[in-house]
Amino acid sequence: MQKLAQVMLIVVLAMVGVAGSRWYRYVSNTTSPYDEVGITLNTLMPPPLRKWGCDRLHATFGNVLPPHGCAVADGRQWM
């Protein structure tokens, strides 16, 4: 039973690592802020991390409409 718990822990940590690195690549990219997987991961982040990610995207793509999760209520302004 302990071996199963260790394997499950390794699998969970690997999934968190892969998702975290994919999210970081999205917020630090320079090609497009409209990557569907990146937007989904960003909206799932806790508010402080999502705000940081949106700030990074805004610094790079400030002259375009913000992606879902980075916009205020009207959908045209960055958060």
C-alpha atoms as a PDB file:
ATOM      1  CA  MET A   1       0.000   0.000   0.000  1.00  0.00           C
ATOM      2  CA  GLN A   2       2.887   2.372   0.757  1.00  0.00           C
ATOM      3  CA  LYS A   3       4.370   1.701  -2.688  1.00  0.00           C
ATOM      4  CA  LEU A   4       1.050   2.688  -4.327  1.00  0.00           C
ATOM      5  CA  ALA A   5       0.999   5.949  -2.354  1.00  0.00           C
ATOM      6  CA  GLN A   6       4.539   6.741  -3.499  1.00  0.00           C
ATOM      7  CA  VAL A   7       3.677   6.078  -7.128  1.00  0.00           C
ATOM      8  CA  MET A   8       0.543   8.228  -6.879  1.00  0.00           C
ATOM      9  CA  LEU A   9       2.542  11.058  -5.293  1.00  0.00           C
ATOM     10  CA  ILE A  10       5.103  10.910  -8.091  1.00  0.00           C
ATOM     11  CA  VAL A  11       2.360  10.958 -10.733  1.00  0.00           C
ATOM     12  CA  VAL A  12       0.628  13.957  -9.101  1.00  0.00           C
ATOM     13  CA  LEU A  13       3.904  15.878  -8.769  1.00  0.00           C
ATOM     14  CA  ALA A  14       4.757  15.155 -12.405  1.00  0.00           C
ATOM     15  CA  MET A  15       1.351  16.409 -13.549  1.00  0.00           C
ATOM     16  CA  VAL A  16       1.728  19.596 -11.489  1.00  0.00           C
ATOM     17  CA  GLY A  17       5.204  20.117 -12.909  1.00  0.00           C
ATOM     18  CA  VAL A  18       4.071  19.660 -16.500  1.00  0.00           C
ATOM     19  CA  ALA A  19       1.023  21.930 -16.068  1.00  0.00           C
ATOM     20  CA  GLY A  20       3.107  24.559 -14.260  1.00  0.00           C
ATOM     21  CA  SER A  21       5.791  24.630 -16.910  1.00  0.00           C
ATOM     22  CA  ARG A  22       3.179  24.798 -19.679  1.00  0.00           C
ATOM     23  CA  TRP A  23       1.473  27.716 -17.912  1.00  0.00           C
ATOM     24  CA  TYR A  24       4.799  29.532 -17.464  1.00  0.00           C
ATOM     25  CA  ARG A  25       5.639  29.073 -21.144  1.00  0.00           C
ATOM     26  CA  TYR A  26       2.250  30.600 -22.003  1.00  0.00           C
ATOM     27  CA  VAL A  27       2.618  33.707 -19.833  1.00  0.00           C
ATOM     28  CA  SER A  28       6.193  34.302 -20.974  1.00  0.00           C
ATOM     29  CA  ASN A  29       5.601  33.709 -24.695  1.00  0.00           C
ATOM     30  CA  THR A  30       6.008  36.369 -27.363  1.00  0.00           C
ATOM     31  CA  THR A  31       3.857  34.936 -30.164  1.00  0.00           C
ATOM     32  CA  SER A  32       0.192  35.129 -29.115  1.00  0.00           C
ATOM     33  CA  PRO A  33      -1.852  35.582 -25.917  1.00  0.00           C
ATOM     34  CA  TYR A  34      -4.701  33.481 -27.364  1.00  0.00           C
ATOM     35  CA  ASP A  35      -3.370  29.943 -26.859  1.00  0.00           C
ATOM     36  CA  GLU A  36      -6.368  27.860 -25.691  1.00  0.00           C
ATOM     37  CA  VAL A  37      -4.429  25.578 -23.355  1.00  0.00           C
ATOM     38  CA  GLY A  38      -2.557  28.508 -21.830  1.00  0.00           C
ATOM     39  CA  ILE A  39      -5.771  30.469 -21.295  1.00  0.00           C
ATOM     40  CA  THR A  40      -7.368  27.478 -19.586  1.00  0.00           C
ATOM     41  CA  LEU A  41      -4.372  26.937 -17.319  1.00  0.00           C
ATOM     42  CA  ASN A  42      -4.220  30.638 -16.484  1.00  0.00           C
ATOM     43  CA  THR A  43      -7.901  30.757 -15.495  1.00  0.00           C
ATOM     44  CA  LEU A  44      -7.360  27.756 -13.198  1.00  0.00           C
ATOM     45  CA  MET A  45      -4.504  29.438 -11.321  1.00  0.00           C
ATOM     46  CA  PRO A  46      -5.065  31.033  -7.904  1.00  0.00           C
ATOM     47  CA  PRO A  47      -5.784  34.782  -8.155  1.00  0.00           C
ATOM     48  CA  PRO A  48      -2.251  36.018  -7.293  1.00  0.00           C
ATOM     49  CA  LEU A  49      -0.632  33.741  -9.910  1.00  0.00           C
ATOM     50  CA  ARG A  50      -3.303  34.551 -12.491  1.00  0.00           C
ATOM     51  CA  LYS A  51      -2.760  38.299 -11.890  1.00  0.00           C
ATOM     52  CA  TRP A  52       1.007  37.857 -12.264  1.00  0.00           C
ATOM     53  CA  GLY A  53       0.509  35.898 -15.485  1.00  0.00           C
ATOM     54  CA  CYS A  54      -1.894  38.504 -16.856  1.00  0.00           C
ATOM     55  CA  ASP A  55       0.569  41.259 -15.979  1.00  0.00           C
ATOM     56  CA  ARG A  56       3.293  39.409 -17.921  1.00  0.00           C
ATOM     57  CA  LEU A  57       0.984  38.995 -20.909  1.00  0.00           C
ATOM     58  CA  HIS A  58      -0.093  42.638 -20.717  1.00  0.00           C
ATOM     59  CA  ALA A  59       3.531  43.769 -20.717  1.00  0.00           C
ATOM     60  CA  THR A  60       4.109  41.798 -23.914  1.00  0.00           C
ATOM     61  CA  PHE A  61       0.744  42.213 -25.671  1.00  0.00           C
ATOM     62  CA  GLY A  62      -0.643  45.438 -24.193  1.00  0.00           C
ATOM     63  CA  ASN A  63      -2.077  46.716 -27.455  1.00  0.00           C
ATOM     64  CA  VAL A  64      -4.447  43.774 -28.111  1.00  0.00           C
ATOM     65  CA  LEU A  65      -7.661  42.600 -26.435  1.00  0.00           C
ATOM     66  CA  PRO A  66      -6.930  40.593 -23.290  1.00  0.00           C
ATOM     67  CA  PRO A  67      -7.534  36.830 -23.333  1.00  0.00           C
ATOM     68  CA  HIS A  68     -10.262  35.259 -21.219  1.00  0.00           C
ATOM     69  CA  GLY A  69      -9.273  35.412 -17.554  1.00  0.00           C
ATOM     70  CA  CYS A  70      -7.234  38.587 -17.945  1.00  0.00           C
ATOM     71  CA  ALA A  71     -10.073  40.961 -18.796  1.00  0.00           C
ATOM     72  CA  VAL A  72     -12.273  43.031 -16.516  1.00  0.00           C
ATOM     73  CA  ALA A  73     -16.067  42.948 -16.852  1.00  0.00           C
ATOM     74  CA  ASP A  74     -16.290  44.733 -20.209  1.00  0.00           C
ATOM     75  CA  GLY A  75     -13.841  42.284 -21.845  1.00  0.00           C
ATOM     76  CA  ARG A  76     -11.798  45.075 -23.422  1.00  0.00           C
ATOM     77  CA  GLN A  77      -9.593  46.211 -20.518  1.00  0.00           C
ATOM     78  CA  TRP A  78      -6.750  44.255 -18.927  1.00  0.00           C
ATOM     79  CA  MET A  79      -7.108  43.454 -15.238  1.00  0.00           C
END
